[in-house]
C-alpha atoms as a PDB file:
ATOM      1  CA  UNK A   1     111.446   2.427 -62.823  1.00  0.00           C
ATOM      2  CA  UNK A   2     110.034   5.179 -60.628  1.00  0.00           C
ATOM      3  CA  UNK A   3     106.754   5.955 -58.850  1.00  0.00           C
ATOM      4  CA  UNK A   4     103.912   7.220 -61.042  1.00  0.00           C
ATOM      5  CA  UNK A   5     101.809   9.055 -58.484  1.00  0.00           C
ATOM      6  CA  UNK A   6     100.842  12.192 -60.379  1.00  0.00           C
ATOM      7  CA  UNK A   7      97.476  12.808 -62.012  1.00  0.00           C
ATOM      8  CA  UNK A   8      99.050  15.106 -64.589  1.00  0.00           C
ATOM      9  CA  UNK A   9      98.898  12.570 -67.427  1.00  0.00           C
ATOM     10  CA  UNK A  10      96.416   9.864 -66.467  1.00  0.00           C
ATOM     11  CA  UNK A  11      94.147  10.294 -63.468  1.00  0.00           C
ATOM     12  CA  UNK A  12      93.342   6.578 -63.226  1.00  0.00           C
ATOM     13  CA  UNK A  13      96.938   5.308 -63.276  1.00  0.00           C
ATOM     14  CA  UNK A  14      98.674   5.894 -59.951  1.00  0.00           C
ATOM     15  CA  UNK A  15     101.328   3.282 -59.217  1.00  0.00           C
ATOM     16  CA  UNK A  16     104.262   2.849 -56.899  1.00  0.00           C
ATOM     17  CA  UNK A  17     107.637   1.860 -58.349  1.00  0.00           C
ATOM     18  CA  UNK A  18     107.149  -1.675 -57.061  1.00  0.00           C
ATOM     19  CA  UNK A  19     103.758  -1.984 -58.779  1.00  0.00           C
ATOM     20  CA  UNK A  20     105.246  -0.754 -62.060  1.00  0.00           C
ATOM     21  CA  UNK A  21     108.054  -3.323 -61.763  1.00  0.00           C
ATOM     22  CA  UNK A  22     105.616  -6.151 -60.994  1.00  0.00           C
ATOM     23  CA  UNK A  23     103.470  -5.248 -64.001  1.00  0.00           C
ATOM     24  CA  UNK A  24     106.545  -5.216 -66.247  1.00  0.00           C
ATOM     25  CA  UNK A  25     108.069  -8.484 -64.997  1.00  0.00           C
ATOM     26  CA  UNK A  26     104.956 -10.582 -64.387  1.00  0.00           C
ATOM     27  CA  UNK A  27     102.179  -9.047 -66.528  1.00  0.00           C
ATOM     28  CA  UNK A  28     104.167  -8.127 -69.672  1.00  0.00           C
ATOM     29  CA  UNK A  29     103.251  -4.451 -69.410  1.00  0.00           C
ATOM     30  CA  UNK A  30     105.888  -2.270 -71.112  1.00  0.00           C
ATOM     31  CA  UNK A  31     107.992   0.115 -69.082  1.00  0.00           C
ATOM     32  CA  UNK A  32     107.726   3.865 -69.784  1.00  0.00           C
ATOM     33  CA  UNK A  33     110.950   3.627 -71.796  1.00  0.00           C
ATOM     34  CA  UNK A  34     110.019   0.996 -74.379  1.00  0.00           C
ATOM     35  CA  UNK A  35     113.664   0.154 -75.086  1.00  0.00           C
ATOM     36  CA  UNK A  36     114.186  -1.135 -71.539  1.00  0.00           C
ATOM     37  CA  UNK A  37     113.111  -4.782 -71.399  1.00  0.00           C
ATOM     38  CA  UNK A  38     112.729  -6.913 -68.242  1.00  0.00           C
ATOM     39  CA  UNK A  39     115.101  -9.872 -67.935  1.00  0.00           C
ATOM     40  CA  UNK A  40     112.910 -12.297 -66.042  1.00  0.00           C
ATOM     41  CA  UNK A  41     115.388 -15.042 -65.206  1.00  0.00           C
ATOM     42  CA  UNK A  42     116.111 -15.314 -61.461  1.00  0.00           C
ATOM     43  CA  UNK A  43     113.501 -12.661 -60.611  1.00  0.00           C
ATOM     44  CA  UNK A  44     110.701 -13.106 -58.084  1.00  0.00           C
ATOM     45  CA  UNK A  45     108.147 -10.985 -56.267  1.00  0.00           C
ATOM     46  CA  UNK A  46     110.114 -11.460 -53.067  1.00  0.00           C
ATOM     47  CA  UNK A  47     113.173 -10.006 -54.770  1.00  0.00           C
ATOM     48  CA  UNK A  48     111.186  -7.001 -56.018  1.00  0.00           C
ATOM     49  CA  UNK A  49     109.885  -6.521 -52.493  1.00  0.00           C
ATOM     50  CA  UNK A  50     113.488  -6.432 -51.324  1.00  0.00           C
ATOM     51  CA  UNK A  51     114.383  -3.823 -53.954  1.00  0.00           C
ATOM     52  CA  UNK A  52     111.377  -1.538 -53.566  1.00  0.00           C
ATOM     53  CA  UNK A  53     110.042  -2.307 -50.107  1.00  0.00           C
ATOM     54  CA  UNK A  54     112.875  -0.725 -48.174  1.00  0.00           C
ATOM     55  CA  UNK A  55     110.975   2.459 -47.494  1.00  0.00           C
ATOM     56  CA  UNK A  56     113.478   4.705 -49.266  1.00  0.00           C
ATOM     57  CA  UNK A  57     115.273   4.434 -52.578  1.00  0.00           C
ATOM     58  CA  UNK A  58     118.919   3.386 -52.355  1.00  0.00           C
ATOM     59  CA  UNK A  59     121.808   3.329 -54.805  1.00  0.00           C
ATOM     60  CA  UNK A  60     122.380  -0.320 -53.919  1.00  0.00           C
ATOM     61  CA  UNK A  61     118.807  -1.192 -54.852  1.00  0.00           C
ATOM     62  CA  UNK A  62     119.101   0.668 -58.158  1.00  0.00           C
ATOM     63  CA  UNK A  63     122.347  -1.137 -59.017  1.00  0.00           C
ATOM     64  CA  UNK A  64     120.846  -4.535 -58.266  1.00  0.00           C
ATOM     65  CA  UNK A  65     117.625  -3.779 -60.150  1.00  0.00           C
ATOM     66  CA  UNK A  66     119.653  -2.815 -63.222  1.00  0.00           C
ATOM     67  CA  UNK A  67     120.975  -6.391 -63.460  1.00  0.00           C
ATOM     68  CA  UNK A  68     117.422  -7.521 -64.324  1.00  0.00           C
ATOM     69  CA  UNK A  69     116.947  -5.065 -67.201  1.00  0.00           C
ATOM     70  CA  UNK A  70     118.169  -5.201 -70.795  1.00  0.00           C
ATOM     71  CA  UNK A  71     118.291  -2.602 -73.575  1.00  0.00           C
ATOM     72  CA  UNK A  72     116.743  -3.346 -76.944  1.00  0.00           C
ATOM     73  CA  UNK A  73     118.917  -2.060 -79.761  1.00  0.00           C
ATOM     74  CA  UNK A  74     121.690  -0.267 -77.828  1.00  0.00           C
ATOM     75  CA  UNK A  75     123.878   2.112 -79.817  1.00  0.00           C
ATOM     76  CA  UNK A  76     127.670   1.860 -79.634  1.00  0.00           C
ATOM     77  CA  UNK A  77     129.219   5.305 -79.088  1.00  0.00           C
ATOM     78  CA  UNK A  78     132.430   4.105 -80.767  1.00  0.00           C
ATOM     79  CA  UNK A  79     130.650   3.975 -84.124  1.00  0.00           C
ATOM     80  CA  UNK A  80     132.376   5.931 -86.892  1.00  0.00           C
ATOM     81  CA  UNK A  81     129.424   5.649 -89.262  1.00  0.00           C
ATOM     82  CA  UNK A  82     127.783   8.971 -90.081  1.00  0.00           C
ATOM     83  CA  UNK A  83     124.699   7.090 -91.280  1.00  0.00           C
ATOM     84  CA  UNK A  84     124.422   5.261 -87.943  1.00  0.00           C
ATOM     85  CA  UNK A  85     124.622   8.467 -85.896  1.00  0.00           C
ATOM     86  CA  UNK A  86     122.153  10.136 -88.254  1.00  0.00           C
ATOM     87  CA  UNK A  87     119.726   7.253 -87.745  1.00  0.00           C
ATOM     88  CA  UNK A  88     120.084   7.523 -83.959  1.00  0.00           C
ATOM     89  CA  UNK A  89     119.504  11.272 -83.805  1.00  0.00           C
ATOM     90  CA  UNK A  90     116.623  11.040 -86.290  1.00  0.00           C
ATOM     91  CA  UNK A  91     114.829   8.212 -84.485  1.00  0.00           C
ATOM     92  CA  UNK A  92     112.503  10.649 -82.685  1.00  0.00           C
ATOM     93  CA  UNK A  93     111.665  12.602 -85.818  1.00  0.00           C
ATOM     94  CA  UNK A  94     107.989  13.507 -85.870  1.00  0.00           C
ATOM     95  CA  UNK A  95     107.323  12.095 -82.390  1.00  0.00           C
ATOM     96  CA  UNK A  96     104.616  13.738 -80.297  1.00  0.00           C
ATOM     97  CA  UNK A  97     105.727  15.692 -77.231  1.00  0.00           C
ATOM     98  CA  UNK A  98     103.610  16.666 -74.249  1.00  0.00           C
ATOM     99  CA  UNK A  99     103.891  20.336 -73.302  1.00  0.00           C
ATOM    100  CA  UNK A 100     102.163  23.051 -71.306  1.00  0.00           C
ATOM    101  CA  UNK A 101     100.764  26.211 -72.815  1.00  0.00           C
ATOM    102  CA  UNK A 102     102.650  29.309 -71.756  1.00  0.00           C
ATOM    103  CA  UNK A 103      99.634  31.060 -70.275  1.00  0.00           C
ATOM    104  CA  UNK A 104      98.754  27.994 -68.169  1.00  0.00           C
ATOM    105  CA  UNK A 105     102.198  26.647 -67.234  1.00  0.00           C
ATOM    106  CA  UNK A 106     102.125  27.984 -63.668  1.00  0.00           C
ATOM    107  CA  UNK A 107      98.568  26.871 -62.922  1.00  0.00           C
ATOM    108  CA  UNK A 108      97.598  23.638 -61.199  1.00  0.00           C
ATOM    109  CA  UNK A 109      95.583  20.889 -62.850  1.00  0.00           C
ATOM    110  CA  UNK A 110      95.985  22.177 -66.394  1.00  0.00           C
ATOM    111  CA  UNK A 111      95.766  19.714 -69.300  1.00  0.00           C
ATOM    112  CA  UNK A 112      98.865  18.643 -71.167  1.00  0.00           C
ATOM    113  CA  UNK A 113      98.912  19.689 -74.810  1.00  0.00           C
ATOM    114  CA  UNK A 114     100.473  17.525 -77.500  1.00  0.00           C
ATOM    115  CA  UNK A 115     102.676  18.882 -80.262  1.00  0.00           C
ATOM    116  CA  UNK A 116     104.033  16.863 -83.179  1.00  0.00           C
ATOM    117  CA  UNK A 117     106.980  18.648 -84.778  1.00  0.00           C
ATOM    118  CA  UNK A 118     108.204  17.805 -88.253  1.00  0.00           C
ATOM    119  CA  UNK A 119     111.784  17.629 -87.001  1.00  0.00           C
ATOM    120  CA  UNK A 120     113.453  15.992 -84.002  1.00  0.00           C
ATOM    121  CA  UNK A 121     112.176  17.353 -80.664  1.00  0.00           C
ATOM    122  CA  UNK A 122     114.800  18.544 -78.174  1.00  0.00           C
ATOM    123  CA  UNK A 123     113.854  20.083 -74.841  1.00  0.00           C
ATOM    124  CA  UNK A 124     115.737  21.040 -71.664  1.00  0.00           C
ATOM    125  CA  UNK A 125     113.037  19.459 -69.466  1.00  0.00           C
ATOM    126  CA  UNK A 126     110.734  16.438 -69.699  1.00  0.00           C
ATOM    127  CA  UNK A 127     107.611  18.636 -69.907  1.00  0.00           C
ATOM    128  CA  UNK A 128     108.481  21.749 -71.946  1.00  0.00           C
ATOM    129  CA  UNK A 129     106.409  24.884 -72.326  1.00  0.00           C
ATOM    130  CA  UNK A 130     105.030  26.465 -75.466  1.00  0.00           C
ATOM    131  CA  UNK A 131     105.464  25.373 -79.064  1.00  0.00           C
ATOM    132  CA  UNK A 132     108.589  24.018 -80.803  1.00  0.00           C
ATOM    133  CA  UNK A 133     110.795  26.472 -82.695  1.00  0.00           C
ATOM    134  CA  UNK A 134     113.400  25.949 -85.387  1.00  0.00           C
ATOM    135  CA  UNK A 135     116.857  27.473 -85.364  1.00  0.00           C
ATOM    136  CA  UNK A 136     118.714  29.581 -82.812  1.00  0.00           C
ATOM    137  CA  UNK A 137     118.115  33.319 -82.717  1.00  0.00           C
ATOM    138  CA  UNK A 138     120.975  35.807 -82.788  1.00  0.00           C
ATOM    139  CA  UNK A 139     118.818  38.268 -80.827  1.00  0.00           C
ATOM    140  CA  UNK A 140     118.703  37.872 -77.026  1.00  0.00           C
ATOM    141  CA  UNK A 141     115.389  39.753 -76.958  1.00  0.00           C
ATOM    142  CA  UNK A 142     113.485  37.058 -78.877  1.00  0.00           C
ATOM    143  CA  UNK A 143     111.152  35.691 -76.203  1.00  0.00           C
ATOM    144  CA  UNK A 144     110.398  32.315 -77.766  1.00  0.00           C
ATOM    145  CA  UNK A 145     113.914  31.003 -77.264  1.00  0.00           C
ATOM    146  CA  UNK A 146     113.647  31.345 -73.476  1.00  0.00           C
ATOM    147  CA  UNK A 147     110.372  29.547 -72.868  1.00  0.00           C
ATOM    148  CA  UNK A 148     109.868  27.251 -75.871  1.00  0.00           C
ATOM    149  CA  UNK A 149     111.734  24.176 -77.038  1.00  0.00           C
ATOM    150  CA  UNK A 150     113.592  23.215 -80.186  1.00  0.00           C
ATOM    151  CA  UNK A 151     112.995  20.947 -83.121  1.00  0.00           C
ATOM    152  CA  UNK A 152     116.066  19.999 -85.113  1.00  0.00           C
ATOM    153  CA  UNK A 153     115.923  19.906 -88.902  1.00  0.00           C
ATOM    154  CA  UNK A 154     117.361  17.146 -91.085  1.00  0.00           C
ATOM    155  CA  UNK A 155     120.218  19.467 -92.057  1.00  0.00           C
ATOM    156  CA  UNK A 156     121.105  20.099 -88.411  1.00  0.00           C
ATOM    157  CA  UNK A 157     120.997  16.369 -87.676  1.00  0.00           C
ATOM    158  CA  UNK A 158     123.323  15.665 -90.617  1.00  0.00           C
ATOM    159  CA  UNK A 159     125.796  18.287 -89.395  1.00  0.00           C
ATOM    160  CA  UNK A 160     125.748  16.873 -85.877  1.00  0.00           C
ATOM    161  CA  UNK A 161     126.287  13.293 -87.088  1.00  0.00           C
ATOM    162  CA  UNK A 162     129.354  14.326 -89.100  1.00  0.00           C
ATOM    163  CA  UNK A 163     130.776  16.294 -86.166  1.00  0.00           C
ATOM    164  CA  UNK A 164     130.252  13.435 -83.686  1.00  0.00           C
ATOM    165  CA  UNK A 165     132.089  10.983 -85.949  1.00  0.00           C
ATOM    166  CA  UNK A 166     134.966  13.457 -86.171  1.00  0.00           C
ATOM    167  CA  UNK A 167     135.140  13.594 -82.368  1.00  0.00           C
ATOM    168  CA  UNK A 168     134.939   9.794 -82.022  1.00  0.00           C
ATOM    169  CA  UNK A 169     137.908   9.390 -84.371  1.00  0.00           C
ATOM    170  CA  UNK A 170     139.836  12.053 -82.470  1.00  0.00           C
ATOM    171  CA  UNK A 171     139.092  10.808 -78.930  1.00  0.00           C
ATOM    172  CA  UNK A 172     138.111   7.150 -79.161  1.00  0.00           C
ATOM    173  CA  UNK A 173     137.914   4.350 -78.476  1.00  0.00           C
ATOM    174  CA  UNK A 174     135.779   5.024 -75.415  1.00  0.00           C
ATOM    175  CA  UNK A 175     135.960   2.334 -72.743  1.00  0.00           C
ATOM    176  CA  UNK A 176     132.998   3.766 -70.829  1.00  0.00           C
ATOM    177  CA  UNK A 177     130.154   6.222 -71.320  1.00  0.00           C
ATOM    178  CA  UNK A 178     131.963   8.513 -68.902  1.00  0.00           C
ATOM    179  CA  UNK A 179     134.839   8.818 -71.377  1.00  0.00           C
ATOM    180  CA  UNK A 180     132.398   9.704 -74.154  1.00  0.00           C
ATOM    181  CA  UNK A 181     130.390  12.277 -72.198  1.00  0.00           C
ATOM    182  CA  UNK A 182     132.972  13.892 -69.930  1.00  0.00           C
ATOM    183  CA  UNK A 183     136.050  15.914 -70.758  1.00  0.00           C
ATOM    184  CA  UNK A 184     139.534  14.415 -70.587  1.00  0.00           C
ATOM    185  CA  UNK A 185     141.638  15.538 -67.631  1.00  0.00           C
ATOM    186  CA  UNK A 186     144.484  13.062 -68.014  1.00  0.00           C
ATOM    187  CA  UNK A 187     146.271  14.447 -71.060  1.00  0.00           C
ATOM    188  CA  UNK A 188     148.058  17.468 -72.439  1.00  0.00           C
ATOM    189  CA  UNK A 189     145.551  18.194 -75.205  1.00  0.00           C
ATOM    190  CA  UNK A 190     143.769  21.355 -74.069  1.00  0.00           C
ATOM    191  CA  UNK A 191     140.939  20.886 -76.571  1.00  0.00           C
ATOM    192  CA  UNK A 192     140.022  17.495 -75.126  1.00  0.00           C
ATOM    193  CA  UNK A 193     140.077  18.815 -71.561  1.00  0.00           C
ATOM    194  CA  UNK A 194     137.474  21.542 -72.146  1.00  0.00           C
ATOM    195  CA  UNK A 195     134.448  19.394 -73.067  1.00  0.00           C
ATOM    196  CA  UNK A 196     133.392  15.879 -73.994  1.00  0.00           C
ATOM    197  CA  UNK A 197     132.870  14.451 -77.472  1.00  0.00           C
ATOM    198  CA  UNK A 198     129.141  15.173 -77.765  1.00  0.00           C
ATOM    199  CA  UNK A 199     129.351  18.735 -76.464  1.00  0.00           C
ATOM    200  CA  UNK A 200     132.363  19.422 -78.690  1.00  0.00           C
ATOM    201  CA  UNK A 201     130.336  18.232 -81.684  1.00  0.00           C
ATOM    202  CA  UNK A 202     127.397  20.498 -80.776  1.00  0.00           C
ATOM    203  CA  UNK A 203     129.746  23.475 -80.448  1.00  0.00           C
ATOM    204  CA  UNK A 204     131.560  22.776 -83.727  1.00  0.00           C
ATOM    205  CA  UNK A 205     131.547  25.728 -86.123  1.00  0.00           C
ATOM    206  CA  UNK A 206     130.065  23.580 -88.897  1.00  0.00           C
ATOM    207  CA  UNK A 207     127.073  22.579 -86.736  1.00  0.00           C
ATOM    208  CA  UNK A 208     124.351  25.220 -87.013  1.00  0.00           C
ATOM    209  CA  UNK A 209     122.170  24.024 -84.106  1.00  0.00           C
ATOM    210  CA  UNK A 210     123.471  26.827 -81.849  1.00  0.00           C
ATOM    211  CA  UNK A 211     124.760  29.099 -84.604  1.00  0.00           C
ATOM    212  CA  UNK A 212     122.703  32.121 -83.529  1.00  0.00           C
ATOM    213  CA  UNK A 213     124.264  32.085 -80.072  1.00  0.00           C
ATOM    214  CA  UNK A 214     127.743  32.477 -81.579  1.00  0.00           C
ATOM    215  CA  UNK A 215     127.004  35.936 -83.004  1.00  0.00           C
ATOM    216  CA  UNK A 216     129.143  38.825 -81.642  1.00  0.00           C
ATOM    217  CA  UNK A 217     126.202  40.272 -79.719  1.00  0.00           C
ATOM    218  CA  UNK A 218     125.807  36.984 -77.841  1.00  0.00           C
ATOM    219  CA  UNK A 219     129.439  36.477 -76.787  1.00  0.00           C
ATOM    220  CA  UNK A 220     131.797  38.417 -74.531  1.00  0.00           C
ATOM    221  CA  UNK A 221     134.254  40.684 -76.324  1.00  0.00           C
ATOM    222  CA  UNK A 222     137.923  40.683 -75.222  1.00  0.00           C
ATOM    223  CA  UNK A 223     137.396  44.087 -73.594  1.00  0.00           C
ATOM    224  CA  UNK A 224     134.402  42.803 -71.602  1.00  0.00           C
ATOM    225  CA  UNK A 225     136.356  39.766 -70.484  1.00  0.00           C
ATOM    226  CA  UNK A 226     139.240  42.012 -69.436  1.00  0.00           C
ATOM    227  CA  UNK A 227     136.967  44.150 -67.262  1.00  0.00           C
ATOM    228  CA  UNK A 228     135.816  41.072 -65.343  1.00  0.00           C
ATOM    229  CA  UNK A 229     139.426  39.958 -64.719  1.00  0.00           C
ATOM    230  CA  UNK A 230     138.595  36.247 -64.427  1.00  0.00           C
ATOM    231  CA  UNK A 231     141.197  33.855 -63.086  1.00  0.00           C
ATOM    232  CA  UNK A 232     140.474  31.531 -66.011  1.00  0.00           C
ATOM    233  CA  UNK A 233     139.503  33.622 -69.088  1.00  0.00           C
ATOM    234  CA  UNK A 234     138.791  30.412 -71.044  1.00  0.00           C
ATOM    235  CA  UNK A 235     135.719  29.887 -68.869  1.00  0.00           C
ATOM    236  CA  UNK A 236     134.080  32.931 -70.470  1.00  0.00           C
ATOM    237  CA  UNK A 237     134.778  31.880 -74.054  1.00  0.00           C
ATOM    238  CA  UNK A 238     131.824  30.956 -76.230  1.00  0.00           C
ATOM    239  CA  UNK A 239     128.137  31.928 -76.166  1.00  0.00           C
ATOM    240  CA  UNK A 240     126.810  33.794 -73.133  1.00  0.00           C
ATOM    241  CA  UNK A 241     123.613  31.720 -73.337  1.00  0.00           C
ATOM    242  CA  UNK A 242     125.543  28.496 -72.796  1.00  0.00           C
ATOM    243  CA  UNK A 243     123.850  26.521 -70.028  1.00  0.00           C
ATOM    244  CA  UNK A 244     120.479  28.229 -70.445  1.00  0.00           C
ATOM    245  CA  UNK A 245     117.281  26.561 -71.596  1.00  0.00           C
ATOM    246  CA  UNK A 246     117.669  28.192 -75.006  1.00  0.00           C
ATOM    247  CA  UNK A 247     121.038  26.607 -75.777  1.00  0.00           C
ATOM    248  CA  UNK A 248     121.002  22.989 -76.985  1.00  0.00           C
ATOM    249  CA  UNK A 249     123.696  21.168 -75.029  1.00  0.00           C
ATOM    250  CA  UNK A 250     124.643  17.531 -74.556  1.00  0.00           C
ATOM    251  CA  UNK A 251     122.251  17.129 -71.623  1.00  0.00           C
ATOM    252  CA  UNK A 252     119.327  17.888 -73.948  1.00  0.00           C
ATOM    253  CA  UNK A 253     120.512  15.240 -76.421  1.00  0.00           C
ATOM    254  CA  UNK A 254     121.254  12.663 -73.724  1.00  0.00           C
ATOM    255  CA  UNK A 255     117.805  13.150 -72.204  1.00  0.00           C
ATOM    256  CA  UNK A 256     116.380  11.573 -75.352  1.00  0.00           C
ATOM    257  CA  UNK A 257     119.041   9.022 -76.257  1.00  0.00           C
ATOM    258  CA  UNK A 258     121.251   8.439 -73.209  1.00  0.00           C
ATOM    259  CA  UNK A 259     119.485   5.274 -72.041  1.00  0.00           C
ATOM    260  CA  UNK A 260     120.336   3.388 -75.233  1.00  0.00           C
ATOM    261  CA  UNK A 261     124.027   4.315 -75.493  1.00  0.00           C
ATOM    262  CA  UNK A 262     126.775   1.824 -74.705  1.00  0.00           C
ATOM    263  CA  UNK A 263     130.582   1.819 -75.075  1.00  0.00           C
ATOM    264  CA  UNK A 264     130.545  -1.777 -76.335  1.00  0.00           C
ATOM    265  CA  UNK A 265     128.039  -4.337 -77.505  1.00  0.00           C
ATOM    266  CA  UNK A 266     127.027  -7.641 -75.919  1.00  0.00           C
ATOM    267  CA  UNK A 267     125.722  -9.236 -79.131  1.00  0.00           C
ATOM    268  CA  UNK A 268     128.174 -10.517 -81.721  1.00  0.00           C
ATOM    269  CA  UNK A 269     127.967 -12.036 -85.204  1.00  0.00           C
ATOM    270  CA  UNK A 270     130.595 -14.771 -85.633  1.00  0.00           C
ATOM    271  CA  UNK A 271     131.382 -16.291 -89.024  1.00  0.00           C
ATOM    272  CA  UNK A 272     133.667 -19.248 -89.641  1.00  0.00           C
ATOM    273  CA  UNK A 273     134.852 -21.344 -92.563  1.00  0.00           C
ATOM    274  CA  UNK A 274     136.018 -24.911 -93.006  1.00  0.00           C
ATOM    275  CA  UNK A 275     137.069 -27.127 -95.892  1.00  0.00           C
ATOM    276  CA  UNK A 276     137.790 -30.773 -96.599  1.00  0.00           C
ATOM    277  CA  UNK A 277     140.944 -31.798 -98.470  1.00  0.00           C
ATOM    278  CA  UNK A 278     141.681 -34.997-100.332  1.00  0.00           C
ATOM    279  CA  UNK A 279     144.948 -36.925-100.152  1.00  0.00           C
ATOM    280  CA  UNK A 280     146.576 -34.596-102.667  1.00  0.00           C
ATOM    281  CA  UNK A 281     145.598 -31.488-100.712  1.00  0.00           C
ATOM    282  CA  UNK A 282     142.893 -30.355-103.131  1.00  0.00           C
ATOM    283  CA  UNK A 283     139.726 -28.844-101.669  1.00  0.00           C
ATOM    284  CA  UNK A 284     136.824 -31.270-102.026  1.00  0.00           C
ATOM    285  CA  UNK A 285     134.213 -29.346-100.033  1.00  0.00           C
ATOM    286  CA  UNK A 286     133.776 -25.986 -98.343  1.00  0.00           C
ATOM    287  CA  UNK A 287     131.332 -24.762 -95.720  1.00  0.00           C
ATOM    288  CA  UNK A 288     130.567 -21.388 -94.161  1.00  0.00           C
ATOM    289  CA  UNK A 289     128.389 -20.722 -91.139  1.00  0.00           C
ATOM    290  CA  UNK A 290     127.229 -17.788 -89.060  1.00  0.00           C
ATOM    291  CA  UNK A 291     126.251 -17.628 -85.394  1.00  0.00           C
ATOM    292  CA  UNK A 292     124.779 -14.768 -83.373  1.00  0.00           C
ATOM    293  CA  UNK A 293     125.740 -14.943 -79.701  1.00  0.00           C
ATOM    294  CA  UNK A 294     124.691 -12.689 -76.844  1.00  0.00           C
ATOM    295  CA  UNK A 295     126.375 -12.202 -73.483  1.00  0.00           C
ATOM    296  CA  UNK A 296     123.855 -12.641 -70.680  1.00  0.00           C
ATOM    297  CA  UNK A 297     123.597 -10.702 -67.383  1.00  0.00           C
ATOM    298  CA  UNK A 298     124.054 -13.622 -64.963  1.00  0.00           C
ATOM    299  CA  UNK A 299     127.414 -15.236 -64.263  1.00  0.00           C
ATOM    300  CA  UNK A 300     128.332 -18.725 -65.428  1.00  0.00           C
ATOM    301  CA  UNK A 301     127.996 -20.035 -61.878  1.00  0.00           C
ATOM    302  CA  UNK A 302     124.669 -18.512 -60.866  1.00  0.00           C
ATOM    303  CA  UNK A 303     123.502 -21.200 -58.433  1.00  0.00           C
ATOM    304  CA  UNK A 304     122.775 -20.834 -54.745  1.00  0.00           C
ATOM    305  CA  UNK A 305     126.509 -20.719 -54.002  1.00  0.00           C
ATOM    306  CA  UNK A 306     127.310 -18.597 -57.041  1.00  0.00           C
ATOM    307  CA  UNK A 307     127.440 -14.842 -57.523  1.00  0.00           C
ATOM    308  CA  UNK A 308     124.385 -12.648 -58.237  1.00  0.00           C
ATOM    309  CA  UNK A 309     124.410 -10.846 -61.583  1.00  0.00           C
ATOM    310  CA  UNK A 310     125.050  -7.451 -59.966  1.00  0.00           C
ATOM    311  CA  UNK A 311     128.298  -8.595 -58.282  1.00  0.00           C
ATOM    312  CA  UNK A 312     131.335  -6.551 -59.276  1.00  0.00           C
ATOM    313  CA  UNK A 313     134.248  -8.443 -60.779  1.00  0.00           C
ATOM    314  CA  UNK A 314     136.592  -7.749 -57.870  1.00  0.00           C
ATOM    315  CA  UNK A 315     134.010  -9.149 -55.421  1.00  0.00           C
ATOM    316  CA  UNK A 316     133.360 -12.475 -57.181  1.00  0.00           C
ATOM    317  CA  UNK A 317     133.492 -15.470 -54.840  1.00  0.00           C
ATOM    318  CA  UNK A 318     133.172 -18.251 -57.421  1.00  0.00           C
ATOM    319  CA  UNK A 319     136.415 -19.425 -59.006  1.00  0.00           C
ATOM    320  CA  UNK A 320     134.521 -20.319 -62.207  1.00  0.00           C
ATOM    321  CA  UNK A 321     133.041 -16.830 -62.416  1.00  0.00           C
ATOM    322  CA  UNK A 322     136.413 -15.186 -61.844  1.00  0.00           C
ATOM    323  CA  UNK A 323     137.833 -17.213 -64.712  1.00  0.00           C
ATOM    324  CA  UNK A 324     134.992 -17.304 -67.238  1.00  0.00           C
ATOM    325  CA  UNK A 325     132.714 -14.384 -66.306  1.00  0.00           C
ATOM    326  CA  UNK A 326     129.265 -14.278 -67.907  1.00  0.00           C
ATOM    327  CA  UNK A 327     128.017 -16.894 -70.404  1.00  0.00           C
ATOM    328  CA  UNK A 328     127.088 -16.397 -74.036  1.00  0.00           C
ATOM    329  CA  UNK A 329     123.733 -17.581 -75.373  1.00  0.00           C
ATOM    330  CA  UNK A 330     123.387 -18.823 -78.930  1.00  0.00           C
ATOM    331  CA  UNK A 331     120.703 -16.614 -80.466  1.00  0.00           C
ATOM    332  CA  UNK A 332     120.757 -17.983 -84.003  1.00  0.00           C
ATOM    333  CA  UNK A 333     122.789 -20.178 -86.340  1.00  0.00           C
ATOM    334  CA  UNK A 334     122.728 -20.644 -90.102  1.00  0.00           C
ATOM    335  CA  UNK A 335     124.777 -22.166 -92.899  1.00  0.00           C
ATOM    336  CA  UNK A 336     125.916 -19.708 -95.550  1.00  0.00           C
ATOM    337  CA  UNK A 337     125.993 -20.050 -99.303  1.00  0.00           C
ATOM    338  CA  UNK A 338     129.150 -18.866-101.128  1.00  0.00           C
ATOM    339  CA  UNK A 339     127.315 -15.780-102.371  1.00  0.00           C
ATOM    340  CA  UNK A 340     126.458 -14.814 -98.766  1.00  0.00           C
ATOM    341  CA  UNK A 341     130.116 -14.439 -97.847  1.00  0.00           C
END
């Protein structure tokens, strides 16, 4: 939730962050990121005024506001399913992307063009320039790579999904998104300390997304590295273009999918079984059932004397909340037939 004060996209829609929040919570208007859904329990206009009417944005306000938002269909980064990762990375396939034409990018008041690539759009910025291109060039002189943006093919997505699963099995389970994204500095494995799981997957030799940048002409030779006499030669290993707009790195991927990632789920499917025995111990009847339960943002004791949903565990005042935490809501329940089990 951020101010929308620019006329770049829609001249008649200029809102403050507070107005956008009020429309989302009280008028059912979707947020810019459609996966983020308002959680309207215990929310009021006075509370939004407290969050957004402070004059300046604060980290505290952002933390508290987050306790009133939920994610629709979050993706667990501990998944070891290649199909699941492929589905995630392919979810933006064929989506339209707003961009600026190269010859007009530095001018004011220019219209935003729309491009619809066949593949998955990936860009280093939210409003890229030029047209989408496929593949990575092995020639530094190719101009398109420096000012355009990429579209990933199905083959590249498949390669990335396989590589990510390999990294998850090697490094997981991840207890936080930080563990998934960042490198490990608490172990003796040098490979894990260089980069995180997603970046390691992108840089894998079997992933062709950045293959062109790994050509000899686009990397430092041992003699070139020796002339520079770096204190840490490992820092110069890999493509020279690493970190540039042309190179697809984890930041480009996370820009599209980061908001829906989670290290663990809050919705669970629970199945149970029971039977009835006669006096001889023979089974006379069997029953199976399935329940879907979801952990909710607020604490069990959420009354006037309870703890707000954004309270950290170590700061909980309620004895009930310290013991039981947040409640589960029964989303659905059904009896199962034997063939369903």
